[in-house]
Amino acid sequence: MIKPTIGRVVWFHEPFVADTVEQPHAAIITYVHGDRMVNLVVFDPNGNSQGRTSVALRQEGDVAPNGMFCEWMPYQLGQAAKTEAVLKSVG
């Protein structure tokens, strides 16, 4: 599991919004409620921003929640896996 922190970038999914069906929106974490709940500033395809509060953060292995949610990008998941492997080999 990746700990959410302010300023990290995630992918935002909002159901029933046409432009999020094909690809997610870029978003930045602005507040952390816990490991699976954050506030975001979300950027639409034109670069306009909107705030979203109390957004579920899907961690690796979680089932996608109903409604809006965000998740880590594949790159971030890969980096977290590499870090975990190094830590296991050292300690």
PDB file of N, CA and C in Angstrom:
ATOM      1  N   MET A   1       0.842  -1.179   0.000  1.00  0.00           N
ATOM      2  CA  MET A   1       0.000   0.000   0.000  1.00  0.00           C
ATOM      3  C   MET A   1       0.891   1.248   0.000  1.00  0.00           C
ATOM      4  N   ILE A   2       0.524   2.213  -0.820  1.00  0.00           N
ATOM      5  CA  ILE A   2       1.239   3.485  -0.878  1.00  0.00           C
ATOM      6  C   ILE A   2       0.517   4.467   0.045  1.00  0.00           C
ATOM      7  N   LYS A   3       1.267   5.105   0.937  1.00  0.00           N
ATOM      8  CA  LYS A   3       0.689   6.113   1.825  1.00  0.00           C
ATOM      9  C   LYS A   3       0.405   7.378   1.022  1.00  0.00           C
ATOM     10  N   PRO A   4      -0.826   7.872   1.031  1.00  0.00           N
ATOM     11  CA  PRO A   4      -1.113   9.124   0.326  1.00  0.00           C
ATOM     12  C   PRO A   4      -0.523  10.309   1.076  1.00  0.00           C
ATOM     13  N   THR A   5       0.012  11.257   0.328  1.00  0.00           N
ATOM     14  CA  THR A   5       0.532  12.488   0.905  1.00  0.00           C
ATOM     15  C   THR A   5       0.130  13.656   0.016  1.00  0.00           C
ATOM     16  N   ILE A   6       0.058  14.822   0.601  1.00  0.00           N
ATOM     17  CA  ILE A   6      -0.319  16.028  -0.126  1.00  0.00           C
ATOM     18  C   ILE A   6       0.690  16.289  -1.252  1.00  0.00           C
ATOM     19  N   GLY A   7       0.166  16.589  -2.432  1.00  0.00           N
ATOM     20  CA  GLY A   7       1.002  16.899  -3.584  1.00  0.00           C
ATOM     21  C   GLY A   7       1.237  15.741  -4.532  1.00  0.00           C
ATOM     22  N   ARG A   8       0.861  14.525  -4.147  1.00  0.00           N
ATOM     23  CA  ARG A   8       1.063  13.391  -5.051  1.00  0.00           C
ATOM     24  C   ARG A   8      -0.013  13.379  -6.131  1.00  0.00           C
ATOM     25  N   VAL A   9       0.359  12.883  -7.284  1.00  0.00           N
ATOM     26  CA  VAL A   9      -0.544  12.838  -8.436  1.00  0.00           C
ATOM     27  C   VAL A   9      -1.222  11.473  -8.502  1.00  0.00           C
ATOM     28  N   VAL A  10      -2.521  11.480  -8.783  1.00  0.00           N
ATOM     29  CA  VAL A  10      -3.305  10.256  -8.931  1.00  0.00           C
ATOM     30  C   VAL A  10      -4.182  10.372 -10.178  1.00  0.00           C
ATOM     31  N   TRP A  11      -4.770   9.257 -10.560  1.00  0.00           N
ATOM     32  CA  TRP A  11      -5.776   9.246 -11.621  1.00  0.00           C
ATOM     33  C   TRP A  11      -7.147   9.305 -10.975  1.00  0.00           C
ATOM     34  N   PHE A  12      -8.007  10.168 -11.477  1.00  0.00           N
ATOM     35  CA  PHE A  12      -9.355  10.346 -10.943  1.00  0.00           C
ATOM     36  C   PHE A  12     -10.381   9.784 -11.921  1.00  0.00           C
ATOM     37  N   HIS A  13     -11.315   9.010 -11.391  1.00  0.00           N
ATOM     38  CA  HIS A  13     -12.390   8.420 -12.195  1.00  0.00           C
ATOM     39  C   HIS A  13     -13.729   8.913 -11.649  1.00  0.00           C
ATOM     40  N   GLU A  14     -14.563   9.406 -12.539  1.00  0.00           N
ATOM     41  CA  GLU A  14     -15.896   9.862 -12.147  1.00  0.00           C
ATOM     42  C   GLU A  14     -16.908   9.183 -13.060  1.00  0.00           C
ATOM     43  N   PRO A  15     -17.768   8.337 -12.498  1.00  0.00           N
ATOM     44  CA  PRO A  15     -18.720   7.608 -13.343  1.00  0.00           C
ATOM     45  C   PRO A  15     -19.736   8.547 -13.995  1.00  0.00           C
ATOM     46  N   PHE A  16     -20.205   8.127 -15.132  1.00  0.00           N
ATOM     47  CA  PHE A  16     -21.260   8.840 -15.855  1.00  0.00           C
ATOM     48  C   PHE A  16     -20.821  10.189 -16.402  1.00  0.00           C
ATOM     49  N   VAL A  17     -19.516  10.419 -16.494  1.00  0.00           N
ATOM     50  CA  VAL A  17     -18.987  11.635 -17.126  1.00  0.00           C
ATOM     51  C   VAL A  17     -18.276  11.168 -18.392  1.00  0.00           C
ATOM     52  N   ALA A  18     -18.741  11.627 -19.527  1.00  0.00           N
ATOM     53  CA  ALA A  18     -18.297  11.101 -20.822  1.00  0.00           C
ATOM     54  C   ALA A  18     -16.780  11.075 -20.988  1.00  0.00           C
ATOM     55  N   ASP A  19     -16.078  12.128 -20.605  1.00  0.00           N
ATOM     56  CA  ASP A  19     -14.641  12.164 -20.888  1.00  0.00           C
ATOM     57  C   ASP A  19     -13.803  11.317 -19.932  1.00  0.00           C
ATOM     58  N   THR A  20     -14.396  10.760 -18.866  1.00  0.00           N
ATOM     59  CA  THR A  20     -13.624   9.887 -17.978  1.00  0.00           C
ATOM     60  C   THR A  20     -13.797   8.417 -18.346  1.00  0.00           C
ATOM     61  N   VAL A  21     -14.663   8.123 -19.302  1.00  0.00           N
ATOM     62  CA  VAL A  21     -14.866   6.734 -19.708  1.00  0.00           C
ATOM     63  C   VAL A  21     -13.633   6.218 -20.438  1.00  0.00           C
ATOM     64  N   GLU A  22     -13.073   7.018 -21.329  1.00  0.00           N
ATOM     65  CA  GLU A  22     -11.922   6.580 -22.110  1.00  0.00           C
ATOM     66  C   GLU A  22     -10.614   6.671 -21.343  1.00  0.00           C
ATOM     67  N   GLN A  23     -10.463   7.705 -20.534  1.00  0.00           N
ATOM     68  CA  GLN A  23      -9.242   7.842 -19.757  1.00  0.00           C
ATOM     69  C   GLN A  23      -9.527   8.666 -18.502  1.00  0.00           C
ATOM     70  N   PRO A  24      -8.763   8.412 -17.452  1.00  0.00           N
ATOM     71  CA  PRO A  24      -8.991   9.147 -16.211  1.00  0.00           C
ATOM     72  C   PRO A  24      -8.474  10.575 -16.297  1.00  0.00           C
ATOM     73  N   HIS A  25      -8.843  11.373 -15.315  1.00  0.00           N
ATOM     74  CA  HIS A  25      -8.352  12.739 -15.209  1.00  0.00           C
ATOM     75  C   HIS A  25      -7.131  12.758 -14.299  1.00  0.00           C
ATOM     76  N   ALA A  26      -6.214  13.683 -14.553  1.00  0.00           N
ATOM     77  CA  ALA A  26      -5.092  13.913 -13.646  1.00  0.00           C
ATOM     78  C   ALA A  26      -5.619  14.654 -12.422  1.00  0.00           C
ATOM     79  N   ALA A  27      -5.097  14.310 -11.258  1.00  0.00           N
ATOM     80  CA  ALA A  27      -5.520  14.967 -10.021  1.00  0.00           C
ATOM     81  C   ALA A  27      -4.351  15.018  -9.046  1.00  0.00           C
ATOM     82  N   ILE A  28      -4.392  15.992  -8.165  1.00  0.00           N
ATOM     83  CA  ILE A  28      -3.364  16.147  -7.139  1.00  0.00           C
ATOM     84  C   ILE A  28      -4.036  16.069  -5.772  1.00  0.00           C
ATOM     85  N   ILE A  29      -3.437  15.311  -4.880  1.00  0.00           N
ATOM     86  CA  ILE A  29      -3.962  15.189  -3.519  1.00  0.00           C
ATOM     87  C   ILE A  29      -3.730  16.506  -2.779  1.00  0.00           C
ATOM     88  N   THR A  30      -4.806  17.048  -2.197  1.00  0.00           N
ATOM     89  CA  THR A  30      -4.713  18.311  -1.457  1.00  0.00           C
ATOM     90  C   THR A  30      -4.925  18.134   0.045  1.00  0.00           C
ATOM     91  N   TYR A  31      -5.498  16.997   0.444  1.00  0.00           N
ATOM     92  CA  TYR A  31      -5.722  16.716   1.860  1.00  0.00           C
ATOM     93  C   TYR A  31      -5.868  15.211   2.021  1.00  0.00           C
ATOM     94  N   VAL A  32      -5.344  14.682   3.115  1.00  0.00           N
ATOM     95  CA  VAL A  32      -5.407  13.239   3.376  1.00  0.00           C
ATOM     96  C   VAL A  32      -6.281  12.993   4.594  1.00  0.00           C
ATOM     97  N   HIS A  33      -7.397  12.273   4.380  1.00  0.00           N
ATOM     98  CA  HIS A  33      -8.254  11.866   5.495  1.00  0.00           C
ATOM     99  C   HIS A  33      -7.732  10.574   6.116  1.00  0.00           C
ATOM    100  N   GLY A  34      -7.144   9.719   5.280  1.00  0.00           N
ATOM    101  CA  GLY A  34      -6.633   8.420   5.711  1.00  0.00           C
ATOM    102  C   GLY A  34      -6.049   7.691   4.515  1.00  0.00           C
ATOM    103  N   ASP A  35      -5.659   6.433   4.705  1.00  0.00           N
ATOM    104  CA  ASP A  35      -5.025   5.664   3.638  1.00  0.00           C
ATOM    105  C   ASP A  35      -5.926   5.436   2.427  1.00  0.00           C
ATOM    106  N   ARG A  36      -7.239   5.580   2.599  1.00  0.00           N
ATOM    107  CA  ARG A  36      -8.162   5.312   1.504  1.00  0.00           C
ATOM    108  C   ARG A  36      -9.177   6.435   1.267  1.00  0.00           C
ATOM    109  N   MET A  37      -8.874   7.652   1.747  1.00  0.00           N
ATOM    110  CA  MET A  37      -9.793   8.773   1.535  1.00  0.00           C
ATOM    111  C   MET A  37      -8.985  10.070   1.460  1.00  0.00           C
ATOM    112  N   VAL A  38      -9.175  10.822   0.355  1.00  0.00           N
ATOM    113  CA  VAL A  38      -8.413  12.061   0.127  1.00  0.00           C
ATOM    114  C   VAL A  38      -9.295  13.140  -0.486  1.00  0.00           C
ATOM    115  N   ASN A  39      -8.821  14.383  -0.439  1.00  0.00           N
ATOM    116  CA  ASN A  39      -9.400  15.490  -1.214  1.00  0.00           C
ATOM    117  C   ASN A  39      -8.467  15.743  -2.393  1.00  0.00           C
ATOM    118  N   LEU A  40      -9.046  16.203  -3.501  1.00  0.00           N
ATOM    119  CA  LEU A  40      -8.270  16.387  -4.726  1.00  0.00           C
ATOM    120  C   LEU A  40      -8.575  17.709  -5.409  1.00  0.00           C
ATOM    121  N   VAL A  41      -7.631  18.168  -6.224  1.00  0.00           N
ATOM    122  CA  VAL A  41      -7.923  19.119  -7.276  1.00  0.00           C
ATOM    123  C   VAL A  41      -7.798  18.296  -8.556  1.00  0.00           C
ATOM    124  N   VAL A  42      -8.866  18.303  -9.355  1.00  0.00           N
ATOM    125  CA  VAL A  42      -8.966  17.459 -10.546  1.00  0.00           C
ATOM    126  C   VAL A  42      -8.903  18.344 -11.787  1.00  0.00           C
ATOM    127  N   PHE A  43      -8.132  17.906 -12.770  1.00  0.00           N
ATOM    128  CA  PHE A  43      -7.986  18.658 -14.024  1.00  0.00           C
ATOM    129  C   PHE A  43      -8.759  17.966 -15.134  1.00  0.00           C
ATOM    130  N   ASP A  44      -9.609  18.723 -15.821  1.00  0.00           N
ATOM    131  CA  ASP A  44     -10.355  18.159 -16.946  1.00  0.00           C
ATOM    132  C   ASP A  44      -9.457  18.141 -18.183  1.00  0.00           C
ATOM    133  N   PRO A  45      -9.925  17.579 -19.303  1.00  0.00           N
ATOM    134  CA  PRO A  45      -9.081  17.492 -20.501  1.00  0.00           C
ATOM    135  C   PRO A  45      -8.581  18.839 -21.029  1.00  0.00           C
ATOM    136  N   ASN A  46      -9.243  19.925 -20.656  1.00  0.00           N
ATOM    137  CA  ASN A  46      -8.819  21.258 -21.096  1.00  0.00           C
ATOM    138  C   ASN A  46      -7.911  21.952 -20.093  1.00  0.00           C
ATOM    139  N   GLY A  47      -7.598  21.297 -18.994  1.00  0.00           N
ATOM    140  CA  GLY A  47      -6.727  21.884 -17.988  1.00  0.00           C
ATOM    141  C   GLY A  47      -7.437  22.698 -16.923  1.00  0.00           C
ATOM    142  N   ASN A  48      -8.755  22.743 -16.993  1.00  0.00           N
ATOM    143  CA  ASN A  48      -9.520  23.444 -15.958  1.00  0.00           C
ATOM    144  C   ASN A  48      -9.547  22.595 -14.694  1.00  0.00           C
ATOM    145  N   SER A  49      -9.518  23.229 -13.541  1.00  0.00           N
ATOM    146  CA  SER A  49      -9.478  22.474 -12.287  1.00  0.00           C
ATOM    147  C   SER A  49     -10.753  22.642 -11.475  1.00  0.00           C
ATOM    148  N   GLN A  50     -11.058  21.587 -10.715  1.00  0.00           N
ATOM    149  CA  GLN A  50     -12.195  21.584  -9.792  1.00  0.00           C
ATOM    150  C   GLN A  50     -11.786  20.776  -8.570  1.00  0.00           C
ATOM    151  N   GLY A  51     -12.292  21.166  -7.426  1.00  0.00           N
ATOM    152  CA  GLY A  51     -12.026  20.418  -6.211  1.00  0.00           C
ATOM    153  C   GLY A  51     -13.002  19.271  -6.032  1.00  0.00           C
ATOM    154  N   ARG A  52     -12.526  18.195  -5.435  1.00  0.00           N
ATOM    155  CA  ARG A  52     -13.368  17.056  -5.054  1.00  0.00           C
ATOM    156  C   ARG A  52     -12.976  16.670  -3.639  1.00  0.00           C
ATOM    157  N   THR A  53     -13.970  16.507  -2.781  1.00  0.00           N
ATOM    158  CA  THR A  53     -13.687  16.160  -1.393  1.00  0.00           C
ATOM    159  C   THR A  53     -14.124  14.737  -1.087  1.00  0.00           C
ATOM    160  N   SER A  54     -13.440  14.149  -0.126  1.00  0.00           N
ATOM    161  CA  SER A  54     -13.755  12.803   0.361  1.00  0.00           C
ATOM    162  C   SER A  54     -13.856  11.787  -0.776  1.00  0.00           C
ATOM    163  N   VAL A  55     -12.780  11.706  -1.543  1.00  0.00           N
ATOM    164  CA  VAL A  55     -12.702  10.783  -2.670  1.00  0.00           C
ATOM    165  C   VAL A  55     -12.045   9.486  -2.206  1.00  0.00           C
ATOM    166  N   ALA A  56     -12.676   8.357  -2.514  1.00  0.00           N
ATOM    167  CA  ALA A  56     -12.094   7.059  -2.167  1.00  0.00           C
ATOM    168  C   ALA A  56     -10.800   6.855  -2.951  1.00  0.00           C
ATOM    169  N   LEU A  57      -9.746   6.425  -2.258  1.00  0.00           N
ATOM    170  CA  LEU A  57      -8.470   6.108  -2.898  1.00  0.00           C
ATOM    171  C   LEU A  57      -8.362   4.598  -2.998  1.00  0.00           C
ATOM    172  N   ARG A  58      -8.398   4.095  -4.211  1.00  0.00           N
ATOM    173  CA  ARG A  58      -8.290   2.655  -4.464  1.00  0.00           C
ATOM    174  C   ARG A  58      -6.826   2.263  -4.366  1.00  0.00           C
ATOM    175  N   GLN A  59      -6.518   1.407  -3.405  1.00  0.00           N
ATOM    176  CA  GLN A  59      -5.167   0.891  -3.251  1.00  0.00           C
ATOM    177  C   GLN A  59      -5.028  -0.398  -4.068  1.00  0.00           C
ATOM    178  N   GLU A  60      -3.810  -0.784  -4.368  1.00  0.00           N
ATOM    179  CA  GLU A  60      -3.560  -1.985  -5.170  1.00  0.00           C
ATOM    180  C   GLU A  60      -4.251  -3.187  -4.544  1.00  0.00           C
ATOM    181  N   GLY A  61      -5.011  -3.910  -5.362  1.00  0.00           N
ATOM    182  CA  GLY A  61      -5.733  -5.088  -4.898  1.00  0.00           C
ATOM    183  C   GLY A  61      -7.156  -4.810  -4.450  1.00  0.00           C
ATOM    184  N   ASP A  62      -7.513  -3.531  -4.252  1.00  0.00           N
ATOM    185  CA  ASP A  62      -8.877  -3.175  -3.876  1.00  0.00           C
ATOM    186  C   ASP A  62      -9.806  -3.293  -5.081  1.00  0.00           C
ATOM    187  N   VAL A  63     -11.057  -3.574  -4.820  1.00  0.00           N
ATOM    188  CA  VAL A  63     -12.092  -3.529  -5.855  1.00  0.00           C
ATOM    189  C   VAL A  63     -12.443  -2.065  -6.078  1.00  0.00           C
ATOM    190  N   ALA A  64     -12.685  -1.691  -7.325  1.00  0.00           N
ATOM    191  CA  ALA A  64     -13.048  -0.304  -7.629  1.00  0.00           C
ATOM    192  C   ALA A  64     -14.339   0.054  -6.901  1.00  0.00           C
ATOM    193  N   PRO A  65     -14.333   1.136  -6.123  1.00  0.00           N
ATOM    194  CA  PRO A  65     -15.541   1.544  -5.405  1.00  0.00           C
ATOM    195  C   PRO A  65     -16.622   2.045  -6.362  1.00  0.00           C
ATOM    196  N   ASN A  66     -17.850   2.014  -5.903  1.00  0.00           N
ATOM    197  CA  ASN A  66     -18.940   2.631  -6.665  1.00  0.00           C
ATOM    198  C   ASN A  66     -18.788   4.141  -6.546  1.00  0.00           C
ATOM    199  N   GLY A  67     -19.106   4.854  -7.591  1.00  0.00           N
ATOM    200  CA  GLY A  67     -18.997   6.297  -7.552  1.00  0.00           C
ATOM    201  C   GLY A  67     -17.598   6.757  -7.911  1.00  0.00           C
ATOM    202  N   MET A  68     -17.312   8.015  -7.595  1.00  0.00           N
ATOM    203  CA  MET A  68     -16.005   8.560  -7.943  1.00  0.00           C
ATOM    204  C   MET A  68     -14.925   7.950  -7.062  1.00  0.00           C
ATOM    205  N   PHE A  69     -13.737   7.790  -7.661  1.00  0.00           N
ATOM    206  CA  PHE A  69     -12.592   7.287  -6.907  1.00  0.00           C
ATOM    207  C   PHE A  69     -11.323   7.706  -7.616  1.00  0.00           C
ATOM    208  N   CYS A  70     -10.210   7.567  -6.913  1.00  0.00           N
ATOM    209  CA  CYS A  70      -8.917   7.815  -7.528  1.00  0.00           C
ATOM    210  C   CYS A  70      -8.028   6.609  -7.264  1.00  0.00           C
ATOM    211  N   GLU A  71      -6.958   6.527  -8.027  1.00  0.00           N
ATOM    212  CA  GLU A  71      -6.026   5.414  -7.872  1.00  0.00           C
ATOM    213  C   GLU A  71      -4.634   5.864  -8.277  1.00  0.00           C
ATOM    214  N   TRP A  72      -3.644   5.093  -7.839  1.00  0.00           N
ATOM    215  CA  TRP A  72      -2.258   5.388  -8.200  1.00  0.00           C
ATOM    216  C   TRP A  72      -2.030   5.038  -9.661  1.00  0.00           C
ATOM    217  N   MET A  73      -1.138   5.780 -10.305  1.00  0.00           N
ATOM    218  CA  MET A  73      -0.764   5.494 -11.689  1.00  0.00           C
ATOM    219  C   MET A  73       0.133   4.254 -11.712  1.00  0.00           C
ATOM    220  N   PRO A  74       0.166   3.508 -12.815  1.00  0.00           N
ATOM    221  CA  PRO A  74       1.015   2.316 -12.900  1.00  0.00           C
ATOM    222  C   PRO A  74       2.481   2.593 -12.553  1.00  0.00           C
ATOM    223  N   TYR A  75       3.006   3.746 -12.953  1.00  0.00           N
ATOM    224  CA  TYR A  75       4.392   4.094 -12.638  1.00  0.00           C
ATOM    225  C   TYR A  75       4.614   4.117 -11.131  1.00  0.00           C
ATOM    226  N   GLN A  76       3.688   4.736 -10.405  1.00  0.00           N
ATOM    227  CA  GLN A  76       3.820   4.827  -8.955  1.00  0.00           C
ATOM    228  C   GLN A  76       3.760   3.444  -8.305  1.00  0.00           C
ATOM    229  N   LEU A  77       2.895   2.581  -8.826  1.00  0.00           N
ATOM    230  CA  LEU A  77       2.807   1.218  -8.292  1.00  0.00           C
ATOM    231  C   LEU A  77       4.116   0.469  -8.529  1.00  0.00           C
ATOM    232  N   GLY A  78       4.707   0.668  -9.709  1.00  0.00           N
ATOM    233  CA  GLY A  78       5.984   0.024 -10.020  1.00  0.00           C
ATOM    234  C   GLY A  78       7.101   0.517  -9.115  1.00  0.00           C
ATOM    235  N   GLN A  79       7.148   1.809  -8.874  1.00  0.00           N
ATOM    236  CA  GLN A  79       8.176   2.374  -7.995  1.00  0.00           C
ATOM    237  C   GLN A  79       8.015   1.866  -6.568  1.00  0.00           C
ATOM    238  N   ALA A  80       6.781   1.773  -6.095  1.00  0.00           N
ATOM    239  CA  ALA A  80       6.529   1.264  -4.745  1.00  0.00           C
ATOM    240  C   ALA A  80       6.967  -0.191  -4.626  1.00  0.00           C
ATOM    241  N   ALA A  81       6.717  -0.993  -5.668  1.00  0.00           N
ATOM    242  CA  ALA A  81       7.127  -2.397  -5.658  1.00  0.00           C
ATOM    243  C   ALA A  81       8.651  -2.514  -5.635  1.00  0.00           C
ATOM    244  N   LYS A  82       9.343  -1.684  -6.396  1.00  0.00           N
ATOM    245  CA  LYS A  82      10.807  -1.701  -6.408  1.00  0.00           C
ATOM    246  C   LYS A  82      11.362  -1.325  -5.035  1.00  0.00           C
ATOM    247  N   THR A  83      10.800  -0.307  -4.417  1.00  0.00           N
ATOM    248  CA  THR A  83      11.239   0.128  -3.098  1.00  0.00           C
ATOM    249  C   THR A  83      11.032  -0.971  -2.072  1.00  0.00           C
ATOM    250  N   GLU A  84       9.885  -1.618  -2.126  1.00  0.00           N
ATOM    251  CA  GLU A  84       9.585  -2.712  -1.196  1.00  0.00           C
ATOM    252  C   GLU A  84      10.573  -3.861  -1.365  1.00  0.00           C
ATOM    253  N   ALA A  85      10.904  -4.211  -2.615  1.00  0.00           N
ATOM    254  CA  ALA A  85      11.850  -5.291  -2.884  1.00  0.00           C
ATOM    255  C   ALA A  85      13.234  -4.963  -2.320  1.00  0.00           C
ATOM    256  N   VAL A  86      13.676  -3.721  -2.492  1.00  0.00           N
ATOM    257  CA  VAL A  86      14.983  -3.303  -1.958  1.00  0.00           C
ATOM    258  C   VAL A  86      14.978  -3.387  -0.437  1.00  0.00           C
ATOM    259  N   LEU A  87      13.933  -2.911   0.185  1.00  0.00           N
ATOM    260  CA  LEU A  87      13.850  -2.946   1.649  1.00  0.00           C
ATOM    261  C   LEU A  87      13.854  -4.369   2.187  1.00  0.00           C
ATOM    262  N   LYS A  88      13.207  -5.282   1.492  1.00  0.00           N
ATOM    263  CA  LYS A  88      13.197  -6.692   1.910  1.00  0.00           C
ATOM    264  C   LYS A  88      14.588  -7.309   1.782  1.00  0.00           C
ATOM    265  N   SER A  89      15.311  -6.954   0.728  1.00  0.00           N
ATOM    266  CA  SER A  89      16.636  -7.543   0.504  1.00  0.00           C
ATOM    267  C   SER A  89      17.654  -7.006   1.504  1.00  0.00           C
ATOM    268  N   VAL A  90      17.450  -5.806   1.993  1.00  0.00           N
ATOM    269  CA  VAL A  90      18.394  -5.194   2.943  1.00  0.00           C
ATOM    270  C   VAL A  90      18.120  -5.671   4.377  1.00  0.00           C
ATOM    271  N   GLY A  91      16.872  -5.780   4.711  1.00  0.00           N
ATOM    272  CA  GLY A  91      16.566  -6.013   6.114  1.00  0.00           C
ATOM    273  C   GLY A  91      16.004  -7.329   6.397  1.00  0.00           C
TER     274      GLY A  91
END
